[in-house]
Amino acid sequence: MEVPKEVDFFNYNNLNNLIIFGGIMVRSTGVTRAQKDSEIILSWLTNKQSIHTQRQYRYIIQHFLEFTGMDLAEISVEDIQDYIKSLKLREQKISTIKAKLMVIKSLFSYCLKTGYLPLNPSVLVDNPKVNDTISQKLLSALDVKRLMSHTDNLRDKLLIRVMFGLGLRVSEAINLTWANFSIDDEQVNLTVVGKGNKPRTVLVNPSLWQELQGLRKEGIDYLFTVAKRNTPMKRNTAHNMLKRVGKKAGLGDNLSCHWLRHSHATEAIKGGCDLSLLQQSLGHSSITTTQKYLCLRKNEGSGTYVNI
């Protein structure tokens, strides 16, 4: 279903700032000029800097409101809960359901803050629990060595090692160029451009650096390329490769490249890596994000702490 450029399918009448909420007529005295749902939604979307985010959020809200068949002021806690139940019945992933609920909560929060709505029913809706936890997505160093031993392709072998050994996101790894590396007093540094175009420096193990030289090709900028072209590997290609190799290694065919990043973090902590150093290496903006790895393997560099 194509999402319209403007959310113009809502029909909400608001006369002189009078709105019906829960069967009661109340007056909105907010800071917004929005008089109907389509206007407040457009105002809310405008605050999202990414066009992709705007399009995605618009689609989620459109689907939610089509499900309820109601105006925003008519929606209750139970209506939101019913929507969540419908997503579960469609067997959507819990992570997807949580993401959609987050968008709905964001919209209602904005409506409350601007005074468009007097109440926010979404605050009473709990997030669904995620059973697919990080602890179920961990590979040991032996598992990773097993993966590498089940492919004869040097590119694939080293991509696995880079993602696990350096804790890189798949998008960061496949877009690496030789220009990202620098050598300072025999120490190899890698400049990684992560989320939000934020650069960070990661130390590279000397043995890994030596192995990477096997990927050098004249006139080719990227490390992990498609055939002999100066074109970086695609995300889907990397994911499919890992699933294929994982199946051959007896580790299942549902492996994800992000599992290697999770596994890097837990192995680094197990090896004694300082939490602030791990935060820096992974490129987390908040140490709270990094702390979630602490509870996975208690008492157990980042790249230098991972032995592979």
Protein backbone atom coordinates (compact mmCIF):
# COMPACT_ATOMS: atom_id res chain seq x y z
CA MET A 1 0.00 0.00 0.00
CA GLU A 2 1.45 3.33 -1.04
CA VAL A 3 1.68 5.89 1.73
CA PRO A 4 0.40 9.33 0.70
CA LYS A 5 2.76 12.27 0.92
CA GLU A 6 0.44 14.07 3.29
CA VAL A 7 -1.66 12.54 6.02
CA ASP A 8 -4.86 13.81 4.51
CA PHE A 9 -7.09 10.83 5.15
CA PHE A 10 -7.96 11.92 8.69
CA ASN A 11 -11.23 13.76 9.14
CA TYR A 12 -11.29 15.38 12.58
CA ASN A 13 -13.48 18.40 13.30
CA ASN A 14 -12.35 20.68 16.09
CA LEU A 15 -14.62 23.70 16.50
CA ASN A 16 -13.17 26.62 18.47
CA ASN A 17 -10.69 24.27 20.18
CA LEU A 18 -13.51 22.10 21.58
CA ILE A 19 -12.72 18.40 21.45
CA ILE A 20 -14.49 15.27 22.61
CA PHE A 21 -12.26 13.10 24.78
CA GLY A 22 -13.71 10.00 26.43
CA GLY A 23 -17.23 11.29 25.88
CA ILE A 24 -16.47 14.61 27.58
CA MET A 25 -16.18 17.94 25.79
CA VAL A 26 -13.04 19.81 26.85
CA ARG A 27 -11.24 22.89 25.56
CA SER A 28 -7.67 22.62 24.30
CA THR A 29 -5.50 25.59 25.27
CA GLY A 30 -2.26 24.38 23.74
CA VAL A 31 0.53 26.00 21.77
CA THR A 32 -0.38 24.47 18.42
CA ARG A 33 -2.55 25.89 15.65
CA ALA A 34 -3.54 22.37 14.58
CA GLN A 35 -7.31 22.00 14.36
CA LYS A 36 -7.53 18.41 13.14
CA ASP A 37 -5.62 15.15 13.33
CA SER A 38 -3.95 15.46 9.94
CA GLU A 39 -2.48 18.85 10.96
CA ILE A 40 -1.08 17.72 14.32
CA ILE A 41 0.38 14.59 12.74
CA LEU A 42 2.05 16.67 10.04
CA SER A 43 3.43 18.99 12.74
CA TRP A 44 4.76 15.98 14.66
CA LEU A 45 6.36 14.47 11.56
CA THR A 46 8.06 17.76 10.69
CA ASN A 47 10.17 17.39 13.84
CA LYS A 48 11.69 14.20 12.43
CA GLN A 49 14.80 15.19 10.51
CA SER A 50 15.08 12.09 8.33
CA ILE A 51 12.74 11.81 5.34
CA HIS A 52 12.94 8.03 5.73
CA THR A 53 11.82 8.32 9.37
CA GLN A 54 8.94 10.62 8.42
CA ARG A 55 7.75 8.18 5.78
CA GLN A 56 8.04 5.19 8.12
CA TYR A 57 6.27 6.93 11.02
CA ARG A 58 3.51 8.19 8.73
CA TYR A 59 2.84 4.67 7.50
CA ILE A 60 2.71 3.24 11.05
CA ILE A 61 0.26 5.90 12.25
CA GLN A 62 -1.88 5.50 9.15
CA HIS A 63 -2.14 1.75 9.75
CA PHE A 64 -2.92 2.28 13.46
CA LEU A 65 -5.70 4.80 12.83
CA GLU A 66 -7.18 2.72 10.04
CA PHE A 67 -7.32 -0.18 12.51
CA THR A 68 -9.08 1.83 15.22
CA GLY A 69 -11.32 3.77 12.83
CA MET A 70 -11.27 6.62 15.35
CA ASP A 71 -10.02 10.16 15.75
CA LEU A 72 -7.08 10.63 18.12
CA ALA A 73 -9.27 12.13 20.84
CA GLU A 74 -11.52 9.06 20.82
CA ILE A 75 -8.76 6.49 21.27
CA SER A 76 -8.55 4.74 24.65
CA VAL A 77 -5.98 2.53 26.37
CA GLU A 78 -7.99 -0.52 25.31
CA ASP A 79 -7.93 0.54 21.65
CA ILE A 80 -4.14 0.67 21.67
CA GLN A 81 -3.97 -2.68 23.49
CA ASP A 82 -6.29 -4.21 20.89
CA TYR A 83 -3.99 -2.95 18.13
CA ILE A 84 -0.97 -4.55 19.82
CA LYS A 85 -2.89 -7.83 20.13
CA SER A 86 -3.73 -7.71 16.42
CA LEU A 87 -0.03 -7.36 15.57
CA LYS A 88 0.77 -10.39 17.73
CA LEU A 89 -1.94 -12.41 15.99
CA ARG A 90 -0.28 -11.53 12.68
CA GLU A 91 2.91 -13.04 14.18
CA GLN A 92 4.94 -9.88 13.85
CA LYS A 93 8.23 -9.87 15.71
CA ILE A 94 8.14 -8.48 19.24
CA SER A 95 10.87 -6.01 18.30
CA THR A 96 8.70 -4.75 15.42
CA ILE A 97 5.67 -4.41 17.69
CA LYS A 98 7.74 -2.48 20.24
CA ALA A 99 8.97 -0.14 17.51
CA LYS A 100 5.42 0.55 16.31
CA LEU A 101 4.20 1.16 19.86
CA MET A 102 7.09 3.58 20.38
CA VAL A 103 5.90 5.60 17.36
CA ILE A 104 2.32 5.66 18.67
CA LYS A 105 3.54 6.76 22.11
CA SER A 106 5.64 9.49 20.51
CA LEU A 107 2.63 10.90 18.66
CA PHE A 108 0.36 10.92 21.72
CA SER A 109 3.12 12.47 23.82
CA TYR A 110 3.48 15.25 21.25
CA CYS A 111 -0.30 15.80 21.20
CA LEU A 112 -0.30 16.16 24.98
CA LYS A 113 2.71 18.49 25.10
CA THR A 114 1.24 20.80 22.47
CA GLY A 115 -2.16 20.81 24.16
CA TYR A 116 -3.88 19.20 21.20
CA LEU A 117 -5.08 16.42 23.51
CA PRO A 118 -5.73 16.72 27.27
CA LEU A 119 -4.66 13.14 28.03
CA ASN A 120 -2.18 10.56 26.78
CA PRO A 121 -3.70 7.05 26.86
CA SER A 122 -0.54 5.41 25.50
CA VAL A 123 1.40 5.95 28.75
CA LEU A 124 -0.72 3.21 30.34
CA VAL A 125 0.18 0.66 27.66
CA ASP A 126 3.14 -1.53 28.61
CA ASN A 127 5.79 -2.51 26.10
CA PRO A 128 5.60 -6.18 25.08
CA LYS A 129 8.36 -8.30 26.57
CA VAL A 130 11.09 -9.40 24.22
CA ASN A 131 11.87 -13.09 24.55
CA ASP A 132 14.53 -12.91 21.87
CA THR A 133 17.15 -11.42 24.18
CA ILE A 134 20.75 -10.55 23.44
CA SER A 135 21.88 -13.52 25.54
CA GLN A 136 20.29 -15.78 22.93
CA LYS A 137 22.33 -14.14 20.17
CA LEU A 138 25.85 -14.77 21.42
CA LEU A 139 28.69 -16.66 19.80
CA SER A 140 31.85 -17.68 21.62
CA ALA A 141 35.31 -17.13 20.16
CA LEU A 142 35.35 -20.86 19.36
CA ASP A 143 32.05 -20.50 17.50
CA VAL A 144 33.51 -17.67 15.41
CA LYS A 145 36.64 -19.70 14.63
CA ARG A 146 34.35 -22.50 13.58
CA LEU A 147 32.51 -20.13 11.25
CA MET A 148 35.74 -18.96 9.68
CA SER A 149 36.93 -22.53 9.16
CA HIS A 150 33.82 -23.33 7.14
CA THR A 151 34.47 -20.89 4.32
CA ASP A 152 37.36 -20.89 1.86
CA ASN A 153 36.54 -17.37 0.68
CA LEU A 154 39.14 -14.97 2.13
CA ARG A 155 36.79 -11.99 1.88
CA ASP A 156 34.05 -13.75 3.84
CA LYS A 157 36.48 -15.15 6.39
CA LEU A 158 37.97 -11.72 7.11
CA LEU A 159 34.59 -9.97 7.16
CA ILE A 160 33.53 -12.33 9.95
CA ARG A 161 36.77 -11.66 11.81
CA VAL A 162 36.48 -7.88 11.41
CA MET A 163 32.90 -7.73 12.68
CA PHE A 164 33.67 -9.95 15.67
CA GLY A 165 37.22 -8.78 16.39
CA LEU A 166 36.46 -5.06 16.11
CA GLY A 167 32.77 -5.03 17.05
CA LEU A 168 31.71 -3.22 13.88
CA ARG A 169 28.18 -2.93 12.57
CA VAL A 170 27.72 -4.69 9.25
CA SER A 171 27.20 -1.35 7.47
CA GLU A 172 30.46 -0.05 8.95
CA ALA A 173 32.41 -3.17 7.98
CA ILE A 174 31.28 -3.49 4.37
CA ASN A 175 32.02 0.19 3.68
CA LEU A 176 35.59 0.12 5.00
CA THR A 177 38.22 1.57 2.69
CA TRP A 178 41.99 1.43 2.94
CA ALA A 179 41.94 5.18 3.55
CA ASN A 180 40.19 4.51 6.88
CA PHE A 181 43.39 2.97 8.25
CA SER A 182 46.43 4.81 9.55
CA ILE A 183 49.64 3.63 11.20
CA ASP A 184 51.11 5.58 14.10
CA ASP A 185 54.32 4.25 15.64
CA GLU A 186 53.51 0.70 14.46
CA GLN A 187 50.00 0.97 15.93
CA VAL A 188 47.23 0.47 13.39
CA ASN A 189 44.24 2.77 13.86
CA LEU A 190 40.92 2.46 12.08
CA THR A 191 38.61 5.46 11.73
CA VAL A 192 35.01 4.28 11.62
CA VAL A 193 32.08 6.51 10.69
CA GLY A 194 29.13 5.19 12.67
CA LYS A 195 25.54 6.19 13.32
CA GLY A 196 24.82 9.87 12.87
CA ASN A 197 28.08 10.20 10.91
CA LYS A 198 29.99 10.16 14.20
CA PRO A 199 33.63 9.10 13.72
CA ARG A 200 35.46 6.94 16.24
CA THR A 201 38.89 5.33 16.33
CA VAL A 202 39.33 1.60 16.81
CA LEU A 203 42.65 -0.16 17.39
CA VAL A 204 43.41 -3.00 14.98
CA ASN A 205 45.22 -6.14 16.07
CA PRO A 206 48.55 -6.41 14.15
CA SER A 207 47.81 -9.99 13.08
CA LEU A 208 44.43 -8.94 11.67
CA TRP A 209 46.06 -6.05 9.83
CA GLN A 210 48.52 -8.46 8.21
CA GLU A 211 45.73 -10.79 7.11
CA LEU A 212 43.75 -7.90 5.64
CA GLN A 213 46.61 -7.23 3.22
CA GLY A 214 45.45 -10.30 1.33
CA LEU A 215 42.41 -8.31 0.24
CA ARG A 216 44.39 -5.48 -1.39
CA LYS A 217 43.82 -5.05 -5.10
CA GLU A 218 45.27 -2.37 -7.34
CA GLY A 219 42.81 0.45 -7.99
CA ILE A 220 40.30 -0.87 -5.44
CA ASP A 221 39.42 1.35 -2.47
CA TYR A 222 37.10 -0.98 -0.53
CA LEU A 223 38.20 -3.98 1.49
CA PHE A 224 35.09 -6.07 0.99
CA THR A 225 34.05 -5.78 -2.63
CA VAL A 226 31.74 -7.38 -5.15
CA ALA A 227 33.86 -9.51 -7.50
CA LYS A 228 36.76 -7.36 -8.73
CA ARG A 229 34.78 -4.13 -8.96
CA ASN A 230 35.41 -1.07 -6.79
CA THR A 231 31.98 -1.56 -5.24
CA PRO A 232 31.35 -2.40 -1.58
CA MET A 233 29.60 -5.60 -0.59
CA LYS A 234 25.84 -5.29 -0.03
CA ARG A 235 24.27 -5.81 3.41
CA ASN A 236 22.07 -8.62 2.12
CA THR A 237 25.09 -10.35 0.64
CA ALA A 238 26.86 -10.23 4.00
CA HIS A 239 23.80 -11.50 5.90
CA ASN A 240 23.18 -14.32 3.42
CA MET A 241 26.83 -15.32 3.55
CA LEU A 242 26.76 -15.58 7.35
CA LYS A 243 23.56 -17.65 7.31
CA ARG A 244 25.07 -20.00 4.73
CA VAL A 245 28.36 -20.40 6.60
CA GLY A 246 26.54 -20.73 9.93
CA LYS A 247 24.49 -23.61 8.58
CA LYS A 248 27.63 -25.35 7.27
CA ALA A 249 29.30 -24.87 10.66
CA GLY A 250 26.34 -26.42 12.48
CA LEU A 251 25.40 -23.14 14.20
CA GLY A 252 22.03 -22.79 12.50
CA ASP A 253 20.89 -20.76 9.52
CA ASN A 254 19.41 -17.83 11.45
CA LEU A 255 22.66 -16.07 12.33
CA SER A 256 22.76 -12.30 11.93
CA CYS A 257 25.80 -10.10 11.41
CA HIS A 258 24.79 -8.10 14.49
CA TRP A 259 25.29 -11.22 16.60
CA LEU A 260 29.02 -10.82 15.95
CA ARG A 261 28.93 -7.29 17.40
CA HIS A 262 26.99 -8.51 20.47
CA SER A 263 29.47 -11.35 20.88
CA HIS A 264 32.42 -8.96 20.61
CA ALA A 265 31.02 -6.90 23.48
CA THR A 266 30.43 -9.84 25.81
CA GLU A 267 33.79 -11.43 25.03
CA ALA A 268 35.51 -8.08 25.63
CA ILE A 269 33.86 -7.72 29.05
CA LYS A 270 34.71 -11.33 29.84
CA GLY A 271 38.34 -10.52 29.01
CA GLY A 272 38.36 -7.57 31.42
CA CYS A 273 37.72 -4.66 29.05
CA ASP A 274 36.79 -1.41 30.79
CA LEU A 275 33.17 -0.41 30.16
CA SER A 276 34.04 3.12 29.04
CA LEU A 277 36.57 1.75 26.55
CA LEU A 278 33.97 -0.67 25.21
CA GLN A 279 31.50 2.21 24.85
CA GLN A 280 34.07 4.16 22.85
CA SER A 281 34.96 1.19 20.65
CA LEU A 282 31.34 0.33 19.88
CA GLY A 283 30.37 3.96 19.27
CA HIS A 284 27.55 4.04 21.82
CA SER A 285 26.40 7.59 22.57
CA SER A 286 25.28 6.51 26.05
CA ILE A 287 27.06 4.15 28.42
CA THR A 288 23.62 2.86 29.43
CA THR A 289 23.50 1.06 26.08
CA THR A 290 26.85 -0.57 26.80
CA GLN A 291 25.87 -1.59 30.33
CA LYS A 292 23.29 -4.08 29.02
CA TYR A 293 26.17 -6.45 28.28
CA LEU A 294 27.25 -6.55 31.93
CA CYS A 295 24.42 -8.81 33.05
CA LEU A 296 24.96 -11.38 30.32
CA ARG A 297 28.17 -13.00 31.58
CA LYS A 298 28.90 -11.98 35.13
CA ASN A 299 32.36 -12.67 36.52
CA GLU A 300 33.62 -13.76 33.47
CA GLY A 301 38.63 -4.11 23.09
CA SER A 302 37.84 -3.79 23.16
CA GLY A 303 39.51 -5.43 20.09
CA THR A 304 42.66 -6.25 22.05
CA TYR A 305 40.58 -8.15 24.60
CA VAL A 306 39.01 -10.47 22.04
CA ASN A 307 41.20 -13.44 21.21
CA ILE A 308 40.63 -14.75 17.70
